[in-house]
Each structure stands twice: as C-alpha cells, then as structure tokens.
N, C-alpha and C. Protein backbone atom coordinates (compact mmCIF):
# COMPACT_ATOMS: atom_id res chain seq x y z
N MET A 1 19.62 210.20 81.85
CA MET A 1 20.72 210.68 83.21
C MET A 1 21.92 209.86 83.05
N ASN A 2 22.90 210.44 82.97
CA ASN A 2 24.47 210.01 82.73
C ASN A 2 24.58 208.91 83.66
N HIS A 3 25.03 207.89 83.17
CA HIS A 3 25.58 206.75 84.01
C HIS A 3 26.03 206.80 85.17
N LYS A 4 27.24 207.92 85.25
CA LYS A 4 27.82 207.80 86.46
C LYS A 4 27.20 208.93 87.56
N SER A 5 26.06 209.53 87.41
CA SER A 5 25.35 210.33 88.03
C SER A 5 24.17 209.24 88.93
N ARG A 6 24.27 208.02 88.28
CA ARG A 6 23.00 207.27 89.40
C ARG A 6 23.54 207.44 90.85
N PRO A 7 22.46 207.09 91.41
CA PRO A 7 22.83 206.86 93.15
C PRO A 7 23.39 205.70 93.40
N LEU A 8 23.12 204.64 92.51
CA LEU A 8 24.03 203.25 93.11
C LEU A 8 25.10 203.16 92.82
N ASP A 9 25.73 203.98 91.47
CA ASP A 9 27.03 204.24 90.96
C ASP A 9 28.01 205.28 92.05
N SER A 10 27.07 206.20 92.52
CA SER A 10 27.84 207.28 93.52
C SER A 10 28.04 206.46 95.03
N LEU A 11 26.92 205.49 95.29
CA LEU A 11 27.06 205.02 96.63
C LEU A 11 28.21 203.89 96.51
N GLU A 12 28.32 203.13 95.16
CA GLU A 12 29.22 201.89 94.95
C GLU A 12 30.72 202.82 94.94
N GLN A 13 30.96 204.30 94.32
CA GLN A 13 32.24 204.80 94.67
C GLN A 13 32.58 205.35 96.15
N THR A 14 31.47 205.62 96.71
CA THR A 14 31.60 206.02 98.38
C THR A 14 32.02 204.82 99.05
N ILE A 15 31.39 203.64 98.75
CA ILE A 15 31.96 202.41 99.62
C ILE A 15 33.26 202.17 99.17
N LEU A 16 33.85 202.07 97.88
CA LEU A 16 35.12 201.72 97.56
C LEU A 16 36.11 202.84 98.23
N SER A 17 35.64 203.66 98.16
CA SER A 17 36.52 205.10 98.81
C SER A 17 36.87 204.60 100.48
N ARG A 18 35.85 203.93 101.01
CA ARG A 18 35.79 203.60 102.45
C ARG A 18 36.90 202.24 102.51
N LYS A 19 36.81 201.41 101.33
CA LYS A 19 37.62 200.32 101.56
C LYS A 19 38.87 200.64 101.14
N GLN A 20 39.31 201.49 100.58
CA GLN A 20 40.48 202.11 100.28
C GLN A 20 41.15 203.01 101.14
N SER A 21 40.39 203.82 102.05
CA SER A 21 40.66 204.47 102.80
C SER A 21 39.67 204.66 104.05
N PRO A 22 40.02 203.56 104.91
CA PRO A 22 39.35 203.41 106.14
C PRO A 22 39.07 204.48 106.94
N SER A 23 37.80 204.79 107.82
CA SER A 23 37.46 205.72 108.15
C SER A 23 36.85 205.48 109.80
N GLU A 24 37.33 205.46 110.95
CA GLU A 24 36.94 204.95 112.02
C GLU A 24 35.30 205.53 112.34
N LYS A 25 35.13 206.76 111.73
CA LYS A 25 33.97 206.95 112.08
C LYS A 25 33.04 206.69 110.72
N SER A 26 33.29 205.98 110.21
CA SER A 26 32.47 205.08 108.89
C SER A 26 31.91 203.67 109.29
N TYR A 27 30.49 203.59 109.31
CA TYR A 27 29.52 202.22 109.17
C TYR A 27 29.87 201.69 108.13
N THR A 28 30.42 202.14 107.13
CA THR A 28 30.78 201.20 105.89
C THR A 28 32.27 200.42 106.47
N THR A 29 33.10 201.54 106.89
CA THR A 29 34.08 200.67 107.35
C THR A 29 34.24 199.62 108.35
N GLN A 30 33.38 199.80 109.19
CA GLN A 30 32.74 198.92 110.12
C GLN A 30 32.42 197.50 109.51
N LEU A 31 31.62 197.66 108.75
CA LEU A 31 31.21 196.44 107.95
C LEU A 31 32.35 195.91 107.32
N LEU A 32 33.00 196.69 106.25
CA LEU A 32 34.04 195.94 105.62
C LEU A 32 34.96 195.13 106.57
N THR A 33 35.19 195.79 108.02
CA THR A 33 36.22 195.30 108.79
C THR A 33 35.66 194.08 109.19
N GLY A 34 34.58 193.38 109.40
CA GLY A 34 33.62 192.60 110.06
C GLY A 34 33.95 191.63 108.95
N GLY A 35 34.00 191.58 107.81
CA GLY A 35 34.05 190.55 106.72
C GLY A 35 32.72 190.26 106.36
N ILE A 36 32.72 188.82 105.67
CA ILE A 36 31.37 188.16 105.03
C ILE A 36 30.55 187.97 106.52
N GLU A 37 30.52 187.44 107.59
CA GLU A 37 30.08 187.52 108.73
C GLU A 37 29.35 188.69 109.06
N LYS A 38 29.90 189.79 109.47
CA LYS A 38 29.02 190.82 109.66
C LYS A 38 28.49 191.63 108.37
N ILE A 39 28.81 191.57 107.31
CA ILE A 39 28.00 191.92 106.07
C ILE A 39 26.83 191.42 105.90
N GLY A 40 27.12 189.87 105.78
CA GLY A 40 26.28 188.95 105.33
C GLY A 40 24.79 188.72 106.35
N GLY A 41 25.33 189.05 108.09
CA GLY A 41 24.02 188.90 108.76
C GLY A 41 23.22 190.02 108.58
N LYS A 42 23.91 191.29 108.20
CA LYS A 42 23.26 192.52 107.85
C LYS A 42 22.24 192.31 106.66
N ILE A 43 22.65 191.82 105.62
CA ILE A 43 22.10 191.60 104.58
C ILE A 43 20.84 190.52 104.85
N ILE A 44 21.08 189.54 105.74
CA ILE A 44 20.22 188.47 106.09
C ILE A 44 19.07 189.37 106.87
N GLU A 45 19.36 190.42 107.97
CA GLU A 45 18.66 191.08 108.47
C GLU A 45 17.61 192.13 107.68
N GLU A 46 18.23 192.81 106.75
CA GLU A 46 17.53 193.68 105.97
C GLU A 46 16.74 193.21 105.18
N ALA A 47 16.84 191.69 104.55
CA ALA A 47 16.03 190.89 103.65
C ALA A 47 14.73 190.84 104.22
N ALA A 48 14.99 190.47 105.51
CA ALA A 48 13.67 189.98 106.45
C ALA A 48 12.80 191.18 106.52
N GLU A 49 13.58 192.17 106.67
CA GLU A 49 12.78 193.54 106.99
C GLU A 49 12.34 193.84 105.59
N VAL A 50 12.95 193.89 104.67
CA VAL A 50 12.01 194.44 103.31
C VAL A 50 10.85 193.48 103.02
N VAL A 51 10.83 191.96 103.27
CA VAL A 51 10.07 191.24 103.09
C VAL A 51 8.84 191.72 103.92
N GLU A 52 9.08 191.94 105.23
CA GLU A 52 8.04 192.05 106.23
C GLU A 52 7.35 193.67 105.99
N ALA A 53 8.25 194.49 105.33
CA ALA A 53 7.28 195.95 104.92
C ALA A 53 6.67 195.70 103.89
N ALA A 54 6.87 194.87 102.87
CA ALA A 54 6.28 194.60 101.70
C ALA A 54 4.85 194.03 102.09
N GLY A 55 4.50 193.19 103.18
CA GLY A 55 3.64 193.13 103.92
C GLY A 55 2.66 193.83 104.19
N GLU A 56 3.18 194.88 104.71
CA GLU A 56 2.26 196.19 105.31
C GLU A 56 1.51 196.85 104.32
N SER A 57 0.16 197.32 105.01
CA SER A 57 -0.72 197.97 103.77
C SER A 57 -0.36 199.10 103.51
N GLY A 58 -1.26 199.66 102.44
CA GLY A 58 -1.04 201.15 102.22
C GLY A 58 0.08 201.96 101.88
N GLU A 59 -0.18 202.86 101.87
CA GLU A 59 1.12 203.84 100.97
C GLU A 59 2.16 203.64 102.23
N GLU A 60 1.83 203.40 103.51
CA GLU A 60 2.82 203.69 104.60
C GLU A 60 3.75 202.28 104.48
N GLY A 61 3.04 201.23 103.95
CA GLY A 61 3.93 200.12 103.86
C GLY A 61 4.47 200.20 102.30
N ARG A 62 4.09 200.88 101.61
CA ARG A 62 4.93 201.31 100.41
C ARG A 62 5.92 201.86 100.74
N GLN A 63 6.03 202.91 101.47
CA GLN A 63 7.39 203.65 101.59
C GLN A 63 8.43 202.83 102.51
N HIS A 64 7.68 202.28 103.33
CA HIS A 64 8.51 201.30 104.29
C HIS A 64 9.67 200.27 103.73
N THR A 65 8.43 199.59 102.48
CA THR A 65 9.39 198.65 101.38
C THR A 65 10.27 199.52 100.75
N ILE A 66 10.18 200.79 100.47
CA ILE A 66 11.20 201.44 99.53
C ILE A 66 12.46 201.78 100.80
N CYS A 67 12.14 202.05 101.64
CA CYS A 67 13.17 202.65 102.69
C CYS A 67 14.10 201.05 102.91
N GLU A 68 13.48 199.75 103.26
CA GLU A 68 14.01 198.57 103.48
C GLU A 68 14.57 198.09 102.29
N ALA A 69 14.18 198.42 100.88
CA ALA A 69 14.84 197.84 99.90
C ALA A 69 16.01 198.60 99.56
N GLY A 70 16.06 199.93 100.06
CA GLY A 70 17.37 200.56 100.06
C GLY A 70 18.45 199.91 100.96
N ASP A 71 18.28 199.63 102.09
CA ASP A 71 18.67 199.04 103.13
C ASP A 71 19.65 197.73 102.29
N VAL A 72 18.86 196.92 101.71
CA VAL A 72 19.40 195.65 101.39
C VAL A 72 20.29 196.09 100.29
N LEU A 73 20.05 196.87 99.48
CA LEU A 73 20.83 197.31 98.56
C LEU A 73 22.39 198.04 98.90
N TYR A 74 22.19 198.93 99.79
CA TYR A 74 23.50 199.53 100.52
C TYR A 74 24.39 198.37 101.16
N HIS A 75 23.61 197.23 101.92
CA HIS A 75 24.21 196.15 102.06
C HIS A 75 25.00 195.01 101.23
N LEU A 76 24.25 195.09 100.42
CA LEU A 76 24.70 194.17 99.02
C LEU A 76 26.16 194.77 98.32
N LEU A 77 26.06 196.18 98.29
CA LEU A 77 26.88 196.79 97.59
C LEU A 77 28.03 196.89 98.26
N VAL A 78 28.21 196.75 99.74
CA VAL A 78 29.17 196.74 100.54
C VAL A 78 29.91 194.95 100.34
N LEU A 79 29.16 194.27 100.50
CA LEU A 79 29.29 192.74 100.22
C LEU A 79 30.12 192.61 98.76
N MET A 80 29.79 193.37 97.91
CA MET A 80 30.36 193.38 96.42
C MET A 80 31.62 193.79 96.36
N ALA A 81 31.46 195.02 97.19
CA ALA A 81 32.89 195.82 97.22
C ALA A 81 33.99 195.06 98.12
N TYR A 82 33.56 194.21 99.28
CA TYR A 82 34.23 193.33 99.91
C TYR A 82 34.93 192.24 99.05
N ARG A 83 34.37 191.65 98.32
CA ARG A 83 34.42 190.69 97.40
C ARG A 83 35.26 191.02 96.23
N GLY A 84 35.04 192.38 95.84
CA GLY A 84 35.79 192.97 94.45
C GLY A 84 35.00 192.77 93.10
N VAL A 85 33.66 192.57 93.69
CA VAL A 85 32.85 192.50 92.45
C VAL A 85 32.21 193.89 92.43
N SER A 86 32.07 194.31 91.03
CA SER A 86 31.46 195.36 90.74
C SER A 86 29.98 195.70 90.57
N LEU A 87 29.35 196.51 90.49
CA LEU A 87 27.90 196.64 90.18
C LEU A 87 27.90 196.27 88.45
N ALA A 88 28.85 196.98 87.68
CA ALA A 88 29.09 196.88 86.37
C ALA A 88 29.08 195.28 85.67
N GLU A 89 29.73 194.39 86.88
CA GLU A 89 29.61 192.93 86.28
C GLU A 89 28.44 192.58 86.70
N VAL A 90 27.84 192.93 87.93
CA VAL A 90 26.55 192.28 87.92
C VAL A 90 25.52 192.47 87.01
N GLU A 91 25.48 193.90 86.65
CA GLU A 91 24.70 194.61 85.26
C GLU A 91 24.89 193.44 83.90
N ALA A 92 26.14 193.20 83.84
CA ALA A 92 26.64 192.27 82.94
C ALA A 92 25.83 191.10 82.66
N GLU A 93 25.79 190.64 84.04
CA GLU A 93 25.29 189.25 84.41
C GLU A 93 23.87 189.12 83.97
N LEU A 94 22.98 190.24 84.55
CA LEU A 94 22.04 190.54 84.23
C LEU A 94 21.70 190.31 82.84
N ALA A 95 22.22 191.37 82.18
CA ALA A 95 22.14 191.74 80.58
C ALA A 95 22.03 190.34 80.00
N ARG A 96 23.10 189.38 80.63
CA ARG A 96 23.64 188.13 79.79
C ARG A 96 22.11 187.41 79.64
N ARG A 97 21.65 187.46 80.95
CA ARG A 97 20.09 186.41 81.05
C ARG A 97 18.86 187.07 80.42
N PHE A 98 18.94 188.21 79.67
CA PHE A 98 17.73 188.56 79.11
C PHE A 98 17.57 187.87 77.92
N GLY A 99 16.22 187.58 77.70
CA GLY A 99 15.73 186.45 76.64
C GLY A 99 15.88 185.15 76.88
N VAL A 100 16.60 184.93 77.88
CA VAL A 100 16.34 183.36 78.29
C VAL A 100 15.50 182.87 79.61
N SER A 101 14.70 182.22 79.53
CA SER A 101 13.96 181.97 80.36
C SER A 101 14.49 181.98 81.72
N GLY A 102 13.94 182.09 82.96
CA GLY A 102 14.45 182.37 84.11
C GLY A 102 14.66 180.85 84.79
N LEU A 103 13.44 180.13 84.25
CA LEU A 103 13.48 178.76 84.66
C LEU A 103 15.02 177.90 84.00
N GLU A 104 14.83 178.17 82.70
CA GLU A 104 16.15 177.52 82.33
C GLU A 104 17.29 177.88 82.53
N GLU A 105 17.28 179.31 82.81
CA GLU A 105 18.60 180.11 82.97
C GLU A 105 19.09 179.10 84.55
N LYS A 106 18.00 178.95 85.32
CA LYS A 106 18.10 178.50 86.93
C LYS A 106 18.75 177.00 86.48
N ALA A 107 17.66 176.15 85.79
CA ALA A 107 18.45 174.80 85.50
C ALA A 107 19.59 174.65 84.95
N SER A 108 20.13 175.52 84.29
CA SER A 108 21.30 175.61 83.75
C SER A 108 22.80 175.60 84.60
N ARG A 109 22.37 176.19 85.81
CA ARG A 109 23.11 176.46 87.03
C ARG A 109 23.20 175.24 88.01
N GLU A 110 22.06 174.26 87.64
CA GLU A 110 21.79 173.19 88.65
C GLU A 110 22.66 172.07 88.07
N ARG A 111 23.13 172.22 87.01
CA ARG A 111 23.72 171.03 86.62
C ARG A 111 25.36 170.60 87.00
C-alpha cells in the first residue's frame, strides 16, 4: 500500500485542510476552534468509550471497539493538527523507541 494512500494519512490531510480553510459546516473546524479544552474533552470521552467497548463480549464488542478506536484516533489527529504535530513525527518517535525496553524508555523520561 502506498504510504500516502493510508486512511490515517488521508484523514490527517483532511483535518489540515479544515485548519487552513475553516468551514462552518465542519465538525473538525468546530473542534479546532474550541482548542485544547474542546478537543481534549472529546479525547477523554472517546478514550473512556473505547475502554468500555473493549470490555464488551463477542463480535459485537469487538466491532464496537473498532468504531470507538477510530473515534479516538480521529480526535487525537485533530489535537495533533491543532498543535502542529504531524503523524510522521509521531511515527518517527515510535520508531526511535523500537529495540528499547518500554520500562527503560519510560524511566528515561521520568528523570
């Protein structure tokens, strides 16, 4: 799959487009206008919903988890766009952490 044809890349571009050319009819524009308080509130809400969905049983719970995870990712991408952080930068940070124990990496940030 071409890197630029990934849904997350397309979504990131759509969000950036809304940031550059706001539209009154755009939910993304409303979030960006609301700033950290509005976007952060949605991330907290959606994170709770994905955890709740993950606790549901069977295929229905699995599908609900997928939907809620999508909502979390969307709102996180909006927050990243608001702060001027790209998906590529986050991917680079995750790549930097490969081969490092998660416990060691976390401890290095706590110093």
